[in-house]
Protein backbone atom coordinates (compact mmCIF):
# COMPACT_ATOMS: atom_id res chain seq x y z
CA UNK A 1 71.34 16.87 12.36
CA UNK A 2 73.70 15.80 14.99
CA UNK A 3 73.84 14.98 17.75
CA UNK A 4 70.91 12.70 17.13
CA UNK A 5 69.08 11.18 20.03
CA UNK A 6 69.09 7.32 20.01
CA UNK A 7 65.32 7.47 20.74
CA UNK A 8 63.36 7.97 17.45
CA UNK A 9 60.46 9.52 19.34
CA UNK A 10 62.67 12.11 21.05
CA UNK A 11 64.25 12.92 17.64
CA UNK A 12 60.88 13.46 16.01
CA UNK A 13 59.68 15.53 19.02
CA UNK A 14 62.79 17.73 18.64
CA UNK A 15 62.05 18.21 14.88
CA UNK A 16 58.41 19.15 15.63
CA UNK A 17 59.59 21.66 18.30
CA UNK A 18 62.06 23.17 15.88
CA UNK A 19 59.52 23.50 13.08
CA UNK A 20 57.00 25.12 15.56
CA UNK A 21 59.62 27.60 16.82
CA UNK A 22 60.43 28.56 13.14
CA UNK A 23 56.69 28.97 12.50
CA UNK A 24 56.45 31.20 15.62
CA UNK A 25 59.34 33.35 14.36
CA UNK A 26 57.65 33.71 10.92
CA UNK A 27 54.44 34.88 12.56
CA UNK A 28 56.50 37.41 14.60
CA UNK A 29 57.93 38.85 11.41
CA UNK A 30 54.58 39.03 9.80
CA UNK A 31 53.10 40.76 12.82
CA UNK A 32 56.01 43.22 12.88
CA UNK A 33 55.11 44.15 9.33
CA UNK A 34 51.50 44.79 10.18
CA UNK A 35 49.81 41.42 9.43
CA UNK A 36 46.63 40.71 11.31
CA UNK A 37 47.38 37.70 13.56
CA UNK A 38 45.00 34.91 14.36
CA UNK A 39 44.32 33.68 17.83
CA UNK A 40 43.57 30.05 16.74
CA UNK A 41 45.78 27.72 14.84
CA UNK A 42 44.38 25.13 12.39
CA UNK A 43 46.16 21.93 11.31
CA UNK A 44 45.29 19.93 8.24
CA UNK A 45 46.69 17.31 5.94
CA UNK A 46 49.65 15.19 6.94
CA UNK A 47 50.45 17.57 9.77
CA UNK A 48 47.20 16.81 11.53
CA UNK A 49 48.64 14.02 13.75
CA UNK A 50 48.20 14.08 17.53
CA UNK A 51 51.79 15.00 18.41
CA UNK A 52 52.00 17.93 16.05
CA UNK A 53 48.52 19.28 16.94
CA UNK A 54 49.60 19.19 20.57
CA UNK A 55 52.92 20.98 20.14
CA UNK A 56 51.87 23.80 17.79
CA UNK A 57 49.38 25.52 20.09
CA UNK A 58 51.78 25.47 23.00
CA UNK A 59 54.74 26.88 21.09
CA UNK A 60 52.68 29.39 19.14
CA UNK A 61 50.63 30.48 22.11
CA UNK A 62 47.37 29.96 20.10
CA UNK A 63 44.42 27.77 20.87
CA UNK A 64 43.69 24.96 18.47
CA UNK A 65 40.68 25.69 16.27
CA UNK A 66 38.09 23.22 15.07
CA UNK A 67 38.74 21.78 11.57
CA UNK A 68 35.83 20.58 9.58
CA UNK A 69 38.08 18.34 7.39
CA UNK A 70 41.67 17.54 8.05
CA UNK A 71 42.41 16.80 4.38
CA UNK A 72 45.17 19.01 2.87
CA UNK A 73 43.21 19.51 -0.35
CA UNK A 74 40.19 20.85 1.57
CA UNK A 75 42.43 23.36 3.47
CA UNK A 76 44.11 24.50 0.30
CA UNK A 77 40.77 24.97 -1.45
CA UNK A 78 39.49 26.96 1.49
CA UNK A 79 42.55 29.28 1.36
CA UNK A 80 42.12 29.76 -2.38
CA UNK A 81 38.44 30.70 -1.92
CA UNK A 82 39.35 33.06 0.96
CA UNK A 83 37.43 31.10 3.59
CA UNK A 84 40.39 30.77 5.97
CA UNK A 85 42.55 33.89 6.03
């Protein structure tokens, strides 16, 4: 993880950008294999901070969607129940 910026905020921003780009590539592979793609992106749990929720929609080209609860356990339960697919 070098060269590392001396500014911690710049370093974290770069990490978030890299993660979002990796996520975008994953969605591209899924789409290439026929997966139905969403037009909104939802963020919950520890990832629901202001910086991350601002970066993801820009990098992914999706609008942020409304989240009833940002708790990770709620999001996981909804996925299991098929409410967010």
